[in-house]
Amino acid sequence: MKKQRDKDSFISKPQYPGGKTALIEFIDKNLKYPKEALEHKIQGKVFISFKVDFDGSISSVKIIKGLGHGCDEEAIRVINLLKFTEAKNKGSKVSIERKLAIHFNLPKPKEVPPSNTVNYTYTTTTKKKETPQKTTYKYTINLK
């Protein structure tokens, strides 16, 4: 008969508070697209490894595969902001190595209204002492 292992005997890993979804939201919220990467229209993934120490702090941050143009430095900055929960391992101090891919996607261009639209306001008055009526017309002029 096999002896059942106590689930407390396994090494517990530090977890990000709120799980994977909260981790992704934190990265998205704190990630600032580097100016140089925007200018050169650089996008892609930065693969990064780091250690989560027994107390939940981050150390040994390394780029596995980078993009350059400031993206690597920004990925390191955001990873260093992370704080994980403490791992309780019966007094043992264990560091866990983690790997992440941080996505740099160019922001979508904002839709600019066409510059060839003219707004025209026409006001009419009646013979009676009523308030003038405003009528607004909108014209679109296509220039070639």
N, C-alpha and C. Protein backbone atom coordinates (compact mmCIF):
# COMPACT_ATOMS: atom_id res chain seq x y z
N MET A 1 0.85 -1.18 0.00
CA MET A 1 0.00 0.00 0.00
C MET A 1 0.89 1.24 0.00
N LYS A 2 0.54 2.20 -0.85
CA LYS A 2 1.31 3.43 -0.94
C LYS A 2 0.98 4.36 0.22
N LYS A 3 2.03 5.00 0.69
CA LYS A 3 1.84 5.95 1.76
C LYS A 3 1.41 7.30 1.16
N GLN A 4 0.33 7.86 1.65
CA GLN A 4 -0.14 9.14 1.13
C GLN A 4 0.71 10.27 1.68
N ARG A 5 1.05 11.20 0.79
CA ARG A 5 1.85 12.34 1.20
C ARG A 5 0.95 13.41 1.79
N ASP A 6 1.47 14.02 2.79
CA ASP A 6 0.79 15.15 3.40
C ASP A 6 0.94 16.34 2.45
N LYS A 7 -0.16 17.02 2.13
CA LYS A 7 -0.05 18.12 1.16
C LYS A 7 0.79 19.27 1.70
N ASP A 8 1.01 19.34 3.02
CA ASP A 8 1.87 20.36 3.59
C ASP A 8 3.34 20.06 3.35
N SER A 9 3.66 18.83 2.92
CA SER A 9 5.06 18.48 2.72
C SER A 9 5.62 19.04 1.42
N PHE A 10 4.76 19.44 0.52
CA PHE A 10 5.22 20.03 -0.74
C PHE A 10 5.64 21.47 -0.52
N ILE A 11 6.53 21.93 -1.38
CA ILE A 11 6.97 23.33 -1.32
C ILE A 11 5.86 24.21 -1.85
N SER A 12 5.47 25.19 -1.07
CA SER A 12 4.45 26.12 -1.56
C SER A 12 5.16 27.26 -2.28
N LYS A 13 4.58 27.69 -3.36
CA LYS A 13 5.17 28.74 -4.17
C LYS A 13 4.51 30.07 -3.83
N PRO A 14 5.28 31.14 -3.88
CA PRO A 14 4.67 32.46 -3.68
C PRO A 14 3.68 32.74 -4.82
N GLN A 15 2.56 33.32 -4.49
CA GLN A 15 1.53 33.62 -5.48
C GLN A 15 1.33 35.13 -5.56
N TYR A 16 0.93 35.60 -6.74
CA TYR A 16 0.59 37.00 -6.87
C TYR A 16 -0.82 37.18 -6.31
N PRO A 17 -1.04 38.19 -5.43
CA PRO A 17 -2.38 38.39 -4.87
C PRO A 17 -3.42 38.63 -5.96
N GLY A 18 -4.42 37.81 -6.02
CA GLY A 18 -5.47 37.94 -7.04
C GLY A 18 -5.26 37.01 -8.22
N GLY A 19 -4.12 36.32 -8.26
CA GLY A 19 -3.88 35.33 -9.30
C GLY A 19 -3.34 35.91 -10.60
N LYS A 20 -3.38 35.08 -11.62
CA LYS A 20 -2.81 35.42 -12.93
C LYS A 20 -3.52 36.62 -13.56
N THR A 21 -4.83 36.68 -13.42
CA THR A 21 -5.58 37.80 -14.00
C THR A 21 -5.16 39.12 -13.38
N ALA A 22 -5.01 39.15 -12.06
CA ALA A 22 -4.58 40.38 -11.38
C ALA A 22 -3.16 40.75 -11.78
N LEU A 23 -2.30 39.76 -11.98
CA LEU A 23 -0.92 40.01 -12.42
C LEU A 23 -0.90 40.68 -13.79
N ILE A 24 -1.69 40.16 -14.72
CA ILE A 24 -1.77 40.73 -16.07
C ILE A 24 -2.33 42.16 -16.01
N GLU A 25 -3.35 42.38 -15.20
CA GLU A 25 -3.93 43.72 -15.06
C GLU A 25 -2.92 44.70 -14.49
N PHE A 26 -2.14 44.25 -13.50
CA PHE A 26 -1.12 45.11 -12.89
C PHE A 26 -0.08 45.51 -13.93
N ILE A 27 0.38 44.55 -14.71
CA ILE A 27 1.38 44.84 -15.73
C ILE A 27 0.83 45.81 -16.77
N ASP A 28 -0.40 45.55 -17.24
CA ASP A 28 -1.02 46.44 -18.24
C ASP A 28 -1.18 47.86 -17.70
N LYS A 29 -1.55 47.97 -16.43
CA LYS A 29 -1.78 49.29 -15.83
C LYS A 29 -0.48 50.07 -15.66
N ASN A 30 0.60 49.39 -15.32
CA ASN A 30 1.85 50.06 -15.00
C ASN A 30 2.85 50.15 -16.15
N LEU A 31 2.59 49.44 -17.23
CA LEU A 31 3.50 49.43 -18.37
C LEU A 31 3.36 50.73 -19.17
N LYS A 32 4.47 51.41 -19.38
CA LYS A 32 4.48 52.64 -20.17
C LYS A 32 5.26 52.35 -21.45
N TYR A 33 4.62 52.61 -22.56
CA TYR A 33 5.26 52.32 -23.85
C TYR A 33 6.44 53.27 -24.03
N PRO A 34 7.64 52.77 -24.25
CA PRO A 34 8.80 53.65 -24.42
C PRO A 34 8.67 54.54 -25.64
N LYS A 35 9.10 55.78 -25.50
CA LYS A 35 8.99 56.78 -26.57
C LYS A 35 9.75 56.32 -27.82
N GLU A 36 10.96 55.78 -27.62
CA GLU A 36 11.76 55.33 -28.75
C GLU A 36 11.08 54.19 -29.50
N ALA A 37 10.44 53.29 -28.77
CA ALA A 37 9.73 52.17 -29.40
C ALA A 37 8.53 52.68 -30.20
N LEU A 38 7.85 53.70 -29.68
CA LEU A 38 6.73 54.30 -30.42
C LEU A 38 7.21 54.94 -31.71
N GLU A 39 8.33 55.67 -31.62
CA GLU A 39 8.86 56.36 -32.79
C GLU A 39 9.26 55.38 -33.89
N HIS A 40 9.82 54.22 -33.49
CA HIS A 40 10.27 53.22 -34.46
C HIS A 40 9.21 52.15 -34.73
N LYS A 41 8.03 52.33 -34.14
CA LYS A 41 6.89 51.40 -34.32
C LYS A 41 7.29 49.96 -33.99
N ILE A 42 7.94 49.80 -32.84
CA ILE A 42 8.38 48.49 -32.36
C ILE A 42 7.27 47.89 -31.51
N GLN A 43 6.94 46.65 -31.79
CA GLN A 43 6.00 45.92 -30.94
C GLN A 43 6.39 44.46 -30.92
N GLY A 44 5.94 43.76 -29.89
CA GLY A 44 6.27 42.35 -29.74
C GLY A 44 6.28 41.96 -28.27
N LYS A 45 7.04 40.91 -27.95
CA LYS A 45 7.09 40.39 -26.58
C LYS A 45 8.51 40.46 -26.05
N VAL A 46 8.61 40.81 -24.78
CA VAL A 46 9.88 40.73 -24.06
C VAL A 46 9.74 39.54 -23.11
N PHE A 47 10.63 38.57 -23.27
CA PHE A 47 10.63 37.39 -22.40
C PHE A 47 11.61 37.66 -21.27
N ILE A 48 11.15 37.47 -20.05
CA ILE A 48 11.92 37.87 -18.88
C ILE A 48 11.86 36.78 -17.81
N SER A 49 12.95 36.59 -17.10
CA SER A 49 12.95 35.65 -15.97
C SER A 49 13.33 36.42 -14.71
N PHE A 50 12.84 35.93 -13.58
CA PHE A 50 13.12 36.58 -12.31
C PHE A 50 12.90 35.58 -11.19
N LYS A 51 13.48 35.88 -10.04
CA LYS A 51 13.29 35.03 -8.87
C LYS A 51 12.32 35.71 -7.92
N VAL A 52 11.43 34.91 -7.36
CA VAL A 52 10.55 35.38 -6.30
C VAL A 52 11.08 34.77 -5.02
N ASP A 53 11.60 35.61 -4.13
CA ASP A 53 12.18 35.13 -2.89
C ASP A 53 11.10 34.67 -1.92
N PHE A 54 11.53 34.02 -0.84
CA PHE A 54 10.60 33.45 0.14
C PHE A 54 9.66 34.50 0.73
N ASP A 55 10.12 35.77 0.78
CA ASP A 55 9.28 36.83 1.36
C ASP A 55 8.40 37.53 0.32
N GLY A 56 8.45 37.07 -0.94
CA GLY A 56 7.60 37.63 -2.00
C GLY A 56 8.27 38.74 -2.79
N SER A 57 9.51 39.09 -2.45
CA SER A 57 10.21 40.15 -3.18
C SER A 57 10.83 39.59 -4.46
N ILE A 58 11.16 40.48 -5.38
CA ILE A 58 11.70 40.12 -6.69
C ILE A 58 13.21 40.33 -6.70
N SER A 59 13.93 39.40 -7.33
CA SER A 59 15.38 39.55 -7.49
C SER A 59 15.81 38.85 -8.78
N SER A 60 17.06 39.07 -9.16
CA SER A 60 17.68 38.41 -10.32
C SER A 60 16.84 38.53 -11.59
N VAL A 61 16.44 39.73 -11.93
CA VAL A 61 15.64 39.96 -13.13
C VAL A 61 16.57 39.94 -14.35
N LYS A 62 16.23 39.10 -15.35
CA LYS A 62 17.05 38.98 -16.56
C LYS A 62 16.15 38.94 -17.79
N ILE A 63 16.63 39.53 -18.87
CA ILE A 63 15.93 39.47 -20.15
C ILE A 63 16.37 38.19 -20.86
N ILE A 64 15.41 37.36 -21.24
CA ILE A 64 15.71 36.16 -22.01
C ILE A 64 15.77 36.51 -23.49
N LYS A 65 14.75 37.22 -23.95
CA LYS A 65 14.70 37.69 -25.33
C LYS A 65 14.03 39.05 -25.32
N GLY A 66 14.73 40.06 -25.80
CA GLY A 66 14.22 41.42 -25.73
C GLY A 66 13.88 42.00 -27.09
N LEU A 67 13.35 43.23 -27.03
CA LEU A 67 12.99 43.98 -28.24
C LEU A 67 13.90 45.18 -28.46
N GLY A 68 14.53 45.65 -27.40
CA GLY A 68 15.34 46.86 -27.52
C GLY A 68 14.47 48.10 -27.55
N HIS A 69 15.05 49.24 -27.90
CA HIS A 69 14.34 50.53 -28.02
C HIS A 69 13.62 50.92 -26.73
N GLY A 70 14.16 50.50 -25.58
CA GLY A 70 13.58 50.88 -24.29
C GLY A 70 12.57 49.88 -23.74
N CYS A 71 12.14 48.92 -24.53
CA CYS A 71 11.14 47.95 -24.08
C CYS A 71 11.70 47.02 -22.99
N ASP A 72 12.97 46.61 -23.14
CA ASP A 72 13.59 45.72 -22.16
C ASP A 72 13.68 46.39 -20.80
N GLU A 73 14.13 47.64 -20.79
CA GLU A 73 14.26 48.38 -19.54
C GLU A 73 12.89 48.60 -18.88
N GLU A 74 11.88 48.86 -19.69
CA GLU A 74 10.52 49.06 -19.15
C GLU A 74 9.98 47.76 -18.55
N ALA A 75 10.25 46.64 -19.20
CA ALA A 75 9.81 45.34 -18.67
C ALA A 75 10.47 45.07 -17.32
N ILE A 76 11.77 45.35 -17.21
CA ILE A 76 12.48 45.17 -15.94
C ILE A 76 11.89 46.07 -14.86
N ARG A 77 11.60 47.31 -15.22
CA ARG A 77 11.03 48.26 -14.24
C ARG A 77 9.70 47.75 -13.69
N VAL A 78 8.83 47.27 -14.57
CA VAL A 78 7.51 46.80 -14.14
C VAL A 78 7.64 45.52 -13.29
N ILE A 79 8.52 44.62 -13.67
CA ILE A 79 8.71 43.38 -12.89
C ILE A 79 9.20 43.71 -11.49
N ASN A 80 10.08 44.69 -11.37
CA ASN A 80 10.59 45.07 -10.05
C ASN A 80 9.52 45.69 -9.16
N LEU A 81 8.39 46.12 -9.73
CA LEU A 81 7.28 46.66 -8.93
C LEU A 81 6.42 45.57 -8.30
N LEU A 82 6.53 44.34 -8.81
CA LEU A 82 5.68 43.25 -8.34
C LEU A 82 6.00 42.87 -6.89
N LYS A 83 4.99 42.41 -6.17
CA LYS A 83 5.14 41.89 -4.82
C LYS A 83 4.24 40.67 -4.69
N PHE A 84 4.84 39.54 -4.43
CA PHE A 84 4.11 38.29 -4.28
C PHE A 84 3.86 38.01 -2.80
N THR A 85 2.99 37.02 -2.53
CA THR A 85 2.74 36.61 -1.15
C THR A 85 3.92 35.80 -0.64
N GLU A 86 4.07 35.73 0.66
CA GLU A 86 5.13 34.93 1.26
C GLU A 86 4.83 33.45 1.09
N ALA A 87 5.88 32.68 0.86
CA ALA A 87 5.72 31.23 0.77
C ALA A 87 6.01 30.64 2.15
N LYS A 88 5.09 29.86 2.66
CA LYS A 88 5.27 29.25 3.97
C LYS A 88 5.70 27.80 3.76
N ASN A 89 7.00 27.53 4.00
CA ASN A 89 7.56 26.22 3.74
C ASN A 89 8.20 25.62 4.99
N LYS A 90 7.49 25.61 6.09
CA LYS A 90 7.98 25.01 7.34
C LYS A 90 9.37 25.50 7.71
N GLY A 91 9.59 26.80 7.60
CA GLY A 91 10.86 27.39 7.99
C GLY A 91 11.91 27.43 6.90
N SER A 92 11.72 26.73 5.79
CA SER A 92 12.69 26.74 4.70
C SER A 92 12.50 28.01 3.87
N LYS A 93 13.63 28.62 3.51
CA LYS A 93 13.57 29.81 2.67
C LYS A 93 13.87 29.39 1.25
N VAL A 94 12.83 29.40 0.42
CA VAL A 94 12.94 28.91 -0.94
C VAL A 94 12.65 30.04 -1.92
N SER A 95 13.51 30.17 -2.95
CA SER A 95 13.27 31.11 -4.04
C SER A 95 12.76 30.33 -5.24
N ILE A 96 11.81 30.90 -5.92
CA ILE A 96 11.21 30.26 -7.10
C ILE A 96 11.53 31.11 -8.32
N GLU A 97 11.98 30.48 -9.40
CA GLU A 97 12.23 31.22 -10.63
C GLU A 97 10.97 31.21 -11.48
N ARG A 98 10.63 32.39 -11.99
CA ARG A 98 9.45 32.54 -12.84
C ARG A 98 9.87 33.14 -14.17
N LYS A 99 9.08 32.87 -15.20
CA LYS A 99 9.30 33.46 -16.52
C LYS A 99 7.99 34.05 -16.99
N LEU A 100 8.09 35.21 -17.63
CA LEU A 100 6.91 35.89 -18.16
C LEU A 100 7.22 36.46 -19.53
N ALA A 101 6.18 36.62 -20.32
CA ALA A 101 6.27 37.34 -21.58
C ALA A 101 5.45 38.62 -21.40
N ILE A 102 6.10 39.75 -21.60
CA ILE A 102 5.42 41.03 -21.48
C ILE A 102 5.19 41.55 -22.89
N HIS A 103 3.93 41.81 -23.20
CA HIS A 103 3.52 42.22 -24.55
C HIS A 103 3.58 43.73 -24.70
N PHE A 104 4.22 44.15 -25.77
CA PHE A 104 4.23 45.56 -26.16
C PHE A 104 3.48 45.66 -27.48
N ASN A 105 2.25 46.17 -27.41
CA ASN A 105 1.42 46.34 -28.60
C ASN A 105 1.23 47.83 -28.84
N LEU A 106 1.47 48.26 -30.07
CA LEU A 106 1.30 49.67 -30.40
C LEU A 106 -0.14 50.09 -30.14
N PRO A 107 -0.33 51.28 -29.56
CA PRO A 107 -1.69 51.75 -29.34
C PRO A 107 -2.40 51.96 -30.67
N LYS A 108 -3.67 51.68 -30.68
CA LYS A 108 -4.46 51.87 -31.90
C LYS A 108 -4.59 53.36 -32.18
N PRO A 109 -4.45 53.77 -33.44
CA PRO A 109 -4.57 55.19 -33.76
C PRO A 109 -5.99 55.67 -33.49
N LYS A 110 -6.07 56.88 -32.96
CA LYS A 110 -7.39 57.46 -32.69
C LYS A 110 -8.00 57.91 -34.00
N GLU A 111 -9.31 57.70 -34.11
CA GLU A 111 -9.99 58.08 -35.34
C GLU A 111 -10.15 59.59 -35.36
N VAL A 112 -9.63 60.20 -36.40
CA VAL A 112 -9.68 61.65 -36.56
C VAL A 112 -10.85 61.98 -37.47
N PRO A 113 -11.71 62.90 -37.04
CA PRO A 113 -12.82 63.27 -37.91
C PRO A 113 -12.29 63.91 -39.19
N PRO A 114 -12.98 63.69 -40.29
CA PRO A 114 -12.49 64.25 -41.55
C PRO A 114 -12.42 65.78 -41.48
N SER A 115 -11.36 66.32 -42.05
CA SER A 115 -11.17 67.77 -41.99
C SER A 115 -11.95 68.49 -43.08
N ASN A 116 -12.62 67.74 -43.95
CA ASN A 116 -13.35 68.37 -45.04
C ASN A 116 -14.85 68.49 -44.74
N THR A 117 -15.23 68.55 -43.47
CA THR A 117 -16.62 68.73 -43.07
C THR A 117 -16.83 70.19 -42.68
N VAL A 118 -17.89 70.78 -43.21
CA VAL A 118 -18.20 72.18 -42.93
C VAL A 118 -19.54 72.23 -42.20
N ASN A 119 -19.58 72.96 -41.10
CA ASN A 119 -20.84 73.17 -40.38
C ASN A 119 -21.37 74.55 -40.74
N TYR A 120 -22.66 74.61 -41.00
CA TYR A 120 -23.29 75.86 -41.43
C TYR A 120 -24.52 76.08 -40.59
N THR A 121 -24.68 77.27 -40.04
CA THR A 121 -25.86 77.60 -39.24
C THR A 121 -26.66 78.67 -39.96
N TYR A 122 -27.96 78.44 -40.05
CA TYR A 122 -28.85 79.36 -40.75
C TYR A 122 -29.92 79.80 -39.75
N THR A 123 -30.11 81.10 -39.61
CA THR A 123 -31.09 81.62 -38.66
C THR A 123 -32.20 82.33 -39.43
N THR A 124 -33.45 82.01 -39.07
CA THR A 124 -34.59 82.66 -39.70
C THR A 124 -35.37 83.42 -38.63
N THR A 125 -36.00 84.48 -39.05
CA THR A 125 -36.88 85.22 -38.14
C THR A 125 -38.25 85.32 -38.78
N THR A 126 -39.25 85.33 -37.94
CA THR A 126 -40.61 85.46 -38.44
C THR A 126 -41.11 86.86 -38.12
N LYS A 127 -42.21 87.25 -38.74
CA LYS A 127 -42.76 88.59 -38.53
C LYS A 127 -43.29 88.74 -37.12
N LYS A 128 -43.81 87.69 -36.55
CA LYS A 128 -44.31 87.77 -35.18
C LYS A 128 -43.11 87.87 -34.25
N LYS A 129 -43.34 88.36 -33.05
CA LYS A 129 -42.25 88.52 -32.10
C LYS A 129 -42.00 87.19 -31.38
N GLU A 130 -41.51 86.28 -32.13
CA GLU A 130 -41.14 84.98 -31.57
C GLU A 130 -39.62 84.90 -31.54
N THR A 131 -39.15 83.95 -30.82
CA THR A 131 -37.70 83.77 -30.81
C THR A 131 -37.25 83.23 -32.17
N PRO A 132 -36.09 83.69 -32.62
CA PRO A 132 -35.60 83.20 -33.91
C PRO A 132 -35.32 81.70 -33.85
N GLN A 133 -35.55 81.06 -34.96
CA GLN A 133 -35.31 79.62 -35.04
C GLN A 133 -33.94 79.40 -35.66
N LYS A 134 -33.19 78.53 -35.06
CA LYS A 134 -31.88 78.20 -35.61
C LYS A 134 -31.99 76.84 -36.28
N THR A 135 -31.50 76.79 -37.46
CA THR A 135 -31.46 75.53 -38.19
C THR A 135 -30.00 75.25 -38.50
N THR A 136 -29.55 74.08 -38.19
CA THR A 136 -28.16 73.72 -38.46
C THR A 136 -28.12 72.74 -39.61
N TYR A 137 -27.29 73.05 -40.57
CA TYR A 137 -27.09 72.18 -41.70
C TYR A 137 -25.67 71.65 -41.64
N LYS A 138 -25.47 70.44 -42.04
CA LYS A 138 -24.14 69.87 -42.05
C LYS A 138 -23.86 69.38 -43.47
N TYR A 139 -22.77 69.87 -44.03
CA TYR A 139 -22.39 69.52 -45.38
C TYR A 139 -21.05 68.79 -45.36
N THR A 140 -20.89 67.87 -46.25
CA THR A 140 -19.61 67.20 -46.43
C THR A 140 -19.10 67.55 -47.81
N ILE A 141 -17.89 68.09 -47.83
CA ILE A 141 -17.29 68.49 -49.09
C ILE A 141 -16.11 67.56 -49.33
N ASN A 142 -16.12 66.87 -50.44
CA ASN A 142 -15.01 65.98 -50.79
C ASN A 142 -14.08 66.71 -51.72
N LEU A 143 -12.84 66.83 -51.28
CA LEU A 143 -11.83 67.51 -52.07
C LEU A 143 -10.96 66.47 -52.73
N LYS A 144 -10.66 66.68 -54.00
CA LYS A 144 -9.80 65.73 -54.71
C LYS A 144 -8.55 66.41 -55.18
